[in-house]
């Protein structure tokens, strides 16, 4: 099952694209809650290139690498990637008050659909706040 989350970021497309794909920005916004953070990120933004973000609980109790391979990249428009046996698509499009960022991804079996949707939406909300504070 595909799950979709989205937000509108009040910033120019180049700023939104750069913040979404730059490790120095990813470590600042990529967390679903205040007790988690991303400690490291690598991005090779090209078809066949890999990405990885090390996500950890701030108390050190748990961590994992969210990693995959880019399968399609259209600058300022679209990113598709595979992670494990799942895929995701990130679309960037013009909106009246900025840039709409829509993320669609394959659900997994461990967590409920609601938990997955809430987690990915929380990360996207953090992204929006981060970019809009870049000013």
N, C-alpha and C. Protein backbone atom coordinates (compact mmCIF):
# COMPACT_ATOMS: atom_id res chain seq x y z
N UNK A 1 0.84 -1.19 0.00
CA UNK A 1 0.00 0.00 0.00
C UNK A 1 0.88 1.25 0.00
N UNK A 2 0.50 2.21 -0.82
CA UNK A 2 1.21 3.49 -0.86
C UNK A 2 0.60 4.44 0.18
N UNK A 3 1.48 5.17 0.86
CA UNK A 3 1.08 6.21 1.80
C UNK A 3 1.63 7.52 1.24
N UNK A 4 0.83 8.59 1.31
CA UNK A 4 1.27 9.89 0.80
C UNK A 4 1.14 10.94 1.89
N UNK A 5 2.18 11.74 2.05
CA UNK A 5 2.16 12.90 2.94
C UNK A 5 2.63 14.10 2.13
N UNK A 6 2.21 15.29 2.55
CA UNK A 6 2.63 16.48 1.81
C UNK A 6 2.60 17.71 2.69
N UNK A 7 3.29 18.74 2.21
CA UNK A 7 3.29 20.04 2.86
C UNK A 7 3.58 21.08 1.79
N UNK A 8 3.33 22.34 2.11
CA UNK A 8 3.72 23.44 1.24
C UNK A 8 4.74 24.29 1.99
N UNK A 9 5.89 24.49 1.37
CA UNK A 9 6.99 25.23 1.96
C UNK A 9 7.05 26.60 1.31
N UNK A 10 6.98 27.65 2.13
CA UNK A 10 7.02 29.01 1.64
C UNK A 10 8.47 29.43 1.42
N UNK A 11 9.02 29.02 0.27
CA UNK A 11 10.40 29.32 -0.10
C UNK A 11 10.57 29.03 -1.58
N UNK A 12 11.62 29.59 -2.20
CA UNK A 12 11.88 29.31 -3.62
C UNK A 12 12.24 27.83 -3.83
N UNK A 13 11.93 27.30 -5.00
CA UNK A 13 12.18 25.90 -5.31
C UNK A 13 13.64 25.52 -5.11
N UNK A 14 14.58 26.38 -5.49
CA UNK A 14 16.00 26.04 -5.35
C UNK A 14 16.37 25.84 -3.88
N UNK A 15 15.81 26.66 -3.00
CA UNK A 15 16.06 26.54 -1.56
C UNK A 15 15.48 25.24 -1.02
N UNK A 16 14.25 24.93 -1.44
CA UNK A 16 13.58 23.71 -0.98
C UNK A 16 14.36 22.48 -1.46
N UNK A 17 14.71 22.45 -2.73
CA UNK A 17 15.45 21.32 -3.30
C UNK A 17 16.78 21.12 -2.57
N UNK A 18 17.52 22.21 -2.39
CA UNK A 18 18.83 22.13 -1.75
C UNK A 18 18.71 21.61 -0.31
N UNK A 19 17.75 22.11 0.43
CA UNK A 19 17.58 21.70 1.83
C UNK A 19 17.15 20.23 1.93
N UNK A 20 16.39 19.77 0.95
CA UNK A 20 15.93 18.37 0.97
C UNK A 20 17.06 17.39 0.66
N UNK A 21 18.04 17.86 -0.12
CA UNK A 21 19.06 16.95 -0.65
C UNK A 21 20.48 17.20 -0.16
N UNK A 22 20.69 18.12 0.77
CA UNK A 22 22.03 18.42 1.26
C UNK A 22 22.23 17.85 2.66
N UNK A 23 23.26 17.02 2.85
CA UNK A 23 23.50 16.43 4.17
C UNK A 23 23.54 17.43 5.31
N UNK A 24 24.13 18.61 5.06
CA UNK A 24 24.22 19.61 6.14
C UNK A 24 22.84 20.10 6.58
N UNK A 25 21.85 20.03 5.71
CA UNK A 25 20.48 20.38 6.08
C UNK A 25 19.73 19.16 6.63
N UNK A 26 19.91 18.01 6.00
CA UNK A 26 19.18 16.80 6.40
C UNK A 26 19.36 16.51 7.89
N UNK A 27 20.58 16.68 8.41
CA UNK A 27 20.82 16.39 9.82
C UNK A 27 20.07 17.36 10.74
N UNK A 28 19.59 18.46 10.21
CA UNK A 28 18.86 19.45 11.02
C UNK A 28 17.35 19.24 11.04
N UNK A 29 16.81 18.56 10.03
CA UNK A 29 15.34 18.42 9.97
C UNK A 29 14.84 16.98 9.98
N UNK A 30 15.68 16.00 9.75
CA UNK A 30 15.22 14.63 9.54
C UNK A 30 15.00 13.88 10.87
N UNK A 31 13.87 14.17 11.51
CA UNK A 31 13.49 13.47 12.74
C UNK A 31 11.97 13.52 12.87
N UNK A 32 11.40 12.42 13.34
CA UNK A 32 9.94 12.35 13.49
C UNK A 32 9.47 12.88 14.84
N UNK A 33 10.39 13.00 15.81
CA UNK A 33 10.02 13.52 17.13
C UNK A 33 11.25 14.16 17.78
N UNK A 34 11.03 14.92 18.84
CA UNK A 34 12.11 15.65 19.49
C UNK A 34 13.13 14.74 20.17
N UNK A 35 12.77 13.48 20.43
CA UNK A 35 13.71 12.58 21.10
C UNK A 35 14.55 11.77 20.11
N UNK A 36 14.45 12.09 18.82
CA UNK A 36 15.25 11.47 17.78
C UNK A 36 16.04 12.53 17.03
N UNK A 37 17.12 12.13 16.40
CA UNK A 37 17.88 13.03 15.54
C UNK A 37 18.64 12.22 14.50
N UNK A 38 19.10 12.92 13.47
CA UNK A 38 19.93 12.32 12.43
C UNK A 38 21.36 12.77 12.70
N UNK A 39 22.24 11.81 12.94
CA UNK A 39 23.61 12.14 13.33
C UNK A 39 24.56 12.24 12.15
N UNK A 40 24.21 11.62 11.02
CA UNK A 40 25.06 11.67 9.83
C UNK A 40 24.21 11.44 8.60
N UNK A 41 24.64 12.03 7.47
CA UNK A 41 23.90 11.89 6.23
C UNK A 41 24.87 11.94 5.06
N UNK A 42 24.65 11.09 4.07
CA UNK A 42 25.39 11.15 2.83
C UNK A 42 24.40 11.12 1.67
N UNK A 43 24.71 11.86 0.62
CA UNK A 43 23.83 11.96 -0.55
C UNK A 43 24.68 11.97 -1.81
N UNK A 44 24.38 11.05 -2.72
CA UNK A 44 24.97 11.04 -4.07
C UNK A 44 23.78 11.12 -5.03
N UNK A 45 23.30 12.34 -5.25
CA UNK A 45 22.03 12.59 -5.93
C UNK A 45 22.15 12.44 -7.44
N UNK A 46 22.07 11.18 -7.89
CA UNK A 46 22.09 10.83 -9.32
C UNK A 46 21.49 9.44 -9.43
N UNK A 47 20.99 9.10 -10.59
CA UNK A 47 20.45 7.76 -10.80
C UNK A 47 21.57 6.76 -10.52
N UNK A 48 21.29 5.81 -9.65
CA UNK A 48 22.28 4.82 -9.25
C UNK A 48 23.10 5.25 -8.04
N UNK A 49 22.98 6.51 -7.64
CA UNK A 49 23.69 7.01 -6.46
C UNK A 49 22.98 6.56 -5.19
N UNK A 50 23.72 6.52 -4.11
CA UNK A 50 23.17 6.08 -2.83
C UNK A 50 23.00 7.24 -1.86
N UNK A 51 22.11 7.02 -0.89
CA UNK A 51 21.96 7.97 0.21
C UNK A 51 21.87 7.17 1.50
N UNK A 52 22.21 7.83 2.60
CA UNK A 52 22.07 7.21 3.91
C UNK A 52 21.93 8.29 4.97
N UNK A 53 21.01 8.08 5.89
CA UNK A 53 20.87 8.95 7.06
C UNK A 53 20.88 8.07 8.29
N UNK A 54 21.76 8.38 9.24
CA UNK A 54 21.83 7.64 10.50
C UNK A 54 20.85 8.29 11.47
N UNK A 55 19.79 7.57 11.80
CA UNK A 55 18.76 8.09 12.72
C UNK A 55 18.92 7.39 14.06
N UNK A 56 18.96 8.18 15.13
CA UNK A 56 19.20 7.63 16.47
C UNK A 56 18.30 8.30 17.50
N UNK A 57 17.93 7.52 18.49
CA UNK A 57 17.26 8.08 19.66
C UNK A 57 18.30 8.93 20.40
N UNK A 58 17.91 10.10 20.87
CA UNK A 58 18.86 10.98 21.55
C UNK A 58 19.42 10.36 22.82
N UNK A 59 18.69 9.44 23.43
CA UNK A 59 19.20 8.78 24.65
C UNK A 59 20.14 7.61 24.33
N UNK A 60 20.39 7.38 23.04
CA UNK A 60 21.31 6.33 22.63
C UNK A 60 20.76 4.92 22.68
N UNK A 61 19.47 4.77 22.95
CA UNK A 61 18.89 3.44 23.13
C UNK A 61 18.68 2.68 21.82
N UNK A 62 18.59 3.37 20.71
CA UNK A 62 18.30 2.71 19.45
C UNK A 62 18.73 3.59 18.29
N UNK A 63 19.09 2.98 17.17
CA UNK A 63 19.42 3.73 15.97
C UNK A 63 19.36 2.83 14.77
N UNK A 64 19.25 3.43 13.60
CA UNK A 64 19.23 2.66 12.35
C UNK A 64 19.64 3.57 11.21
N UNK A 65 20.04 2.93 10.11
CA UNK A 65 20.39 3.67 8.90
C UNK A 65 19.22 3.61 7.93
N UNK A 66 18.73 4.78 7.53
CA UNK A 66 17.72 4.86 6.48
C UNK A 66 18.51 5.09 5.20
N UNK A 67 18.58 4.07 4.35
CA UNK A 67 19.46 4.15 3.19
C UNK A 67 18.79 3.54 1.96
N UNK A 68 19.26 3.99 0.80
CA UNK A 68 18.72 3.46 -0.43
C UNK A 68 19.48 3.96 -1.64
N UNK A 69 18.88 3.75 -2.80
CA UNK A 69 19.49 4.09 -4.08
C UNK A 69 18.50 4.90 -4.92
N UNK A 70 19.00 6.00 -5.48
CA UNK A 70 18.16 6.83 -6.34
C UNK A 70 17.89 6.12 -7.67
N UNK A 71 16.63 6.10 -8.10
CA UNK A 71 16.27 5.46 -9.36
C UNK A 71 15.83 6.47 -10.42
N UNK A 72 15.48 7.69 -10.00
CA UNK A 72 15.12 8.74 -10.95
C UNK A 72 15.34 10.08 -10.26
N UNK A 73 15.96 11.02 -10.97
CA UNK A 73 16.21 12.35 -10.43
C UNK A 73 15.94 13.38 -11.52
N UNK A 74 15.00 14.28 -11.27
CA UNK A 74 14.73 15.42 -12.15
C UNK A 74 14.86 16.66 -11.30
N UNK A 75 15.93 17.42 -11.50
CA UNK A 75 16.25 18.54 -10.62
C UNK A 75 15.06 19.48 -10.44
N UNK A 76 14.83 19.83 -9.18
CA UNK A 76 13.75 20.73 -8.75
C UNK A 76 12.35 20.19 -9.02
N UNK A 77 12.22 18.88 -9.39
CA UNK A 77 10.91 18.34 -9.72
C UNK A 77 10.61 17.00 -9.04
N UNK A 78 11.54 16.04 -9.14
CA UNK A 78 11.20 14.67 -8.76
C UNK A 78 12.43 13.89 -8.31
N UNK A 79 12.22 13.09 -7.26
CA UNK A 79 13.22 12.12 -6.82
C UNK A 79 12.47 10.81 -6.59
N UNK A 80 13.00 9.73 -7.14
CA UNK A 80 12.47 8.41 -6.83
C UNK A 80 13.63 7.58 -6.30
N UNK A 81 13.34 6.75 -5.30
CA UNK A 81 14.39 5.91 -4.75
C UNK A 81 13.84 4.60 -4.23
N UNK A 82 14.75 3.62 -4.14
CA UNK A 82 14.43 2.32 -3.59
C UNK A 82 15.17 2.18 -2.27
N UNK A 83 14.49 1.62 -1.27
CA UNK A 83 15.13 1.33 0.02
C UNK A 83 14.63 -0.03 0.47
N UNK A 84 15.56 -0.98 0.52
CA UNK A 84 15.15 -2.37 0.75
C UNK A 84 14.28 -2.82 -0.41
N UNK A 85 13.15 -3.44 -0.09
CA UNK A 85 12.23 -3.87 -1.15
C UNK A 85 11.10 -2.88 -1.36
N UNK A 86 11.27 -1.67 -0.85
CA UNK A 86 10.25 -0.62 -0.96
C UNK A 86 10.75 0.51 -1.84
N UNK A 87 9.80 1.34 -2.31
CA UNK A 87 10.16 2.51 -3.12
C UNK A 87 9.46 3.74 -2.57
N UNK A 88 9.98 4.90 -2.96
CA UNK A 88 9.37 6.18 -2.58
C UNK A 88 9.57 7.16 -3.72
N UNK A 89 8.68 8.14 -3.74
CA UNK A 89 8.71 9.21 -4.74
C UNK A 89 8.51 10.53 -4.02
N UNK A 90 9.35 11.51 -4.34
CA UNK A 90 9.23 12.85 -3.77
C UNK A 90 9.01 13.82 -4.93
N UNK A 91 7.86 14.49 -4.91
CA UNK A 91 7.52 15.44 -5.97
C UNK A 91 7.59 16.85 -5.43
N UNK A 92 8.17 17.74 -6.22
CA UNK A 92 8.26 19.16 -5.89
C UNK A 92 7.49 19.91 -6.97
N UNK A 93 6.47 20.69 -6.59
CA UNK A 93 5.67 21.40 -7.59
C UNK A 93 5.29 22.78 -7.07
N UNK A 94 5.04 23.69 -8.01
CA UNK A 94 4.66 25.05 -7.65
C UNK A 94 3.30 25.06 -6.97
N UNK A 95 3.20 25.87 -5.94
CA UNK A 95 1.94 26.09 -5.24
C UNK A 95 1.77 27.59 -5.08
N UNK A 96 0.53 28.08 -4.86
CA UNK A 96 0.32 29.52 -4.75
C UNK A 96 1.20 30.18 -3.69
N UNK A 97 1.50 29.47 -2.60
CA UNK A 97 2.28 30.09 -1.53
C UNK A 97 3.62 29.39 -1.32
N UNK A 98 4.20 28.84 -2.39
CA UNK A 98 5.52 28.24 -2.26
C UNK A 98 5.67 26.99 -3.10
N UNK A 99 6.24 25.96 -2.49
CA UNK A 99 6.51 24.70 -3.18
C UNK A 99 5.81 23.56 -2.44
N UNK A 100 4.99 22.82 -3.17
CA UNK A 100 4.37 21.63 -2.59
C UNK A 100 5.37 20.50 -2.65
N UNK A 101 5.59 19.85 -1.51
CA UNK A 101 6.45 18.67 -1.44
C UNK A 101 5.54 17.51 -1.07
N UNK A 102 5.45 16.53 -1.97
CA UNK A 102 4.59 15.36 -1.76
C UNK A 102 5.46 14.12 -1.76
N UNK A 103 5.37 13.34 -0.69
CA UNK A 103 6.15 12.11 -0.56
C UNK A 103 5.18 10.93 -0.54
N UNK A 104 5.38 9.99 -1.47
CA UNK A 104 4.60 8.75 -1.52
C UNK A 104 5.56 7.59 -1.31
N UNK A 105 5.19 6.64 -0.45
CA UNK A 105 6.09 5.54 -0.15
C UNK A 105 5.30 4.26 0.12
N UNK A 106 5.97 3.14 -0.10
CA UNK A 106 5.38 1.84 0.19
C UNK A 106 5.36 1.64 1.70
N UNK A 107 4.22 1.20 2.20
CA UNK A 107 4.12 0.92 3.64
C UNK A 107 4.89 -0.34 3.98
N UNK A 108 5.14 -0.53 5.28
CA UNK A 108 5.80 -1.74 5.75
C UNK A 108 4.89 -2.42 6.76
N UNK A 109 5.28 -3.61 7.20
CA UNK A 109 4.40 -4.44 8.03
C UNK A 109 4.55 -4.21 9.53
N UNK A 110 5.67 -3.63 9.98
CA UNK A 110 5.97 -3.53 11.40
C UNK A 110 5.08 -2.54 12.14
N UNK A 111 4.84 -1.40 11.53
CA UNK A 111 4.06 -0.34 12.17
C UNK A 111 2.73 -0.14 11.42
N UNK A 112 1.74 0.37 12.13
CA UNK A 112 0.44 0.60 11.51
C UNK A 112 0.56 1.69 10.44
N UNK A 113 -0.40 1.68 9.53
CA UNK A 113 -0.45 2.71 8.48
C UNK A 113 -0.48 4.09 9.13
N UNK A 114 -1.27 4.25 10.19
CA UNK A 114 -1.38 5.54 10.87
C UNK A 114 -0.04 5.97 11.46
N UNK A 115 0.69 5.04 12.08
CA UNK A 115 2.00 5.37 12.65
C UNK A 115 2.98 5.79 11.56
N UNK A 116 2.98 5.07 10.45
CA UNK A 116 3.88 5.42 9.35
C UNK A 116 3.54 6.79 8.78
N UNK A 117 2.26 7.02 8.56
CA UNK A 117 1.83 8.31 8.02
C UNK A 117 2.20 9.44 8.97
N UNK A 118 1.95 9.26 10.26
CA UNK A 118 2.27 10.30 11.25
C UNK A 118 3.77 10.56 11.32
N UNK A 119 4.57 9.50 11.28
CA UNK A 119 6.02 9.66 11.35
C UNK A 119 6.59 10.39 10.16
N UNK A 120 6.19 9.98 8.96
CA UNK A 120 6.70 10.64 7.75
C UNK A 120 6.16 12.07 7.65
N UNK A 121 4.92 12.31 8.09
CA UNK A 121 4.38 13.67 8.07
C UNK A 121 5.13 14.55 9.06
N UNK A 122 5.47 14.02 10.22
CA UNK A 122 6.22 14.79 11.23
C UNK A 122 7.58 15.20 10.68
N UNK A 123 8.25 14.30 9.96
CA UNK A 123 9.53 14.63 9.35
C UNK A 123 9.34 15.74 8.32
N UNK A 124 8.30 15.63 7.50
CA UNK A 124 8.03 16.65 6.48
C UNK A 124 7.69 17.99 7.13
N UNK A 125 6.97 17.97 8.24
CA UNK A 125 6.67 19.21 8.96
C UNK A 125 7.95 19.85 9.50
N UNK A 126 8.87 19.03 10.02
CA UNK A 126 10.17 19.55 10.47
C UNK A 126 10.93 20.17 9.31
N UNK A 127 10.87 19.52 8.15
CA UNK A 127 11.52 20.04 6.95
C UNK A 127 10.98 21.43 6.61
N UNK A 128 9.66 21.56 6.59
CA UNK A 128 9.01 22.85 6.30
C UNK A 128 9.50 23.93 7.25
N UNK A 129 9.49 23.64 8.56
CA UNK A 129 9.94 24.63 9.56
C UNK A 129 11.40 25.00 9.34
N UNK A 130 12.23 24.01 9.07
CA UNK A 130 13.66 24.27 8.86
C UNK A 130 13.86 25.21 7.66
N UNK A 131 13.24 24.89 6.54
CA UNK A 131 13.44 25.68 5.33
C UNK A 131 12.90 27.10 5.51
N UNK A 132 11.72 27.22 6.11
CA UNK A 132 11.13 28.55 6.27
C UNK A 132 11.91 29.42 7.25
N UNK A 133 12.68 28.80 8.14
CA UNK A 133 13.52 29.58 9.06
C UNK A 133 14.86 29.96 8.44
N UNK A 134 15.18 29.39 7.27
CA UNK A 134 16.41 29.78 6.58
C UNK A 134 16.30 31.23 6.10
N UNK A 135 15.04 31.63 5.83
CA UNK A 135 14.69 32.99 5.48
C UNK A 135 15.43 33.55 4.33
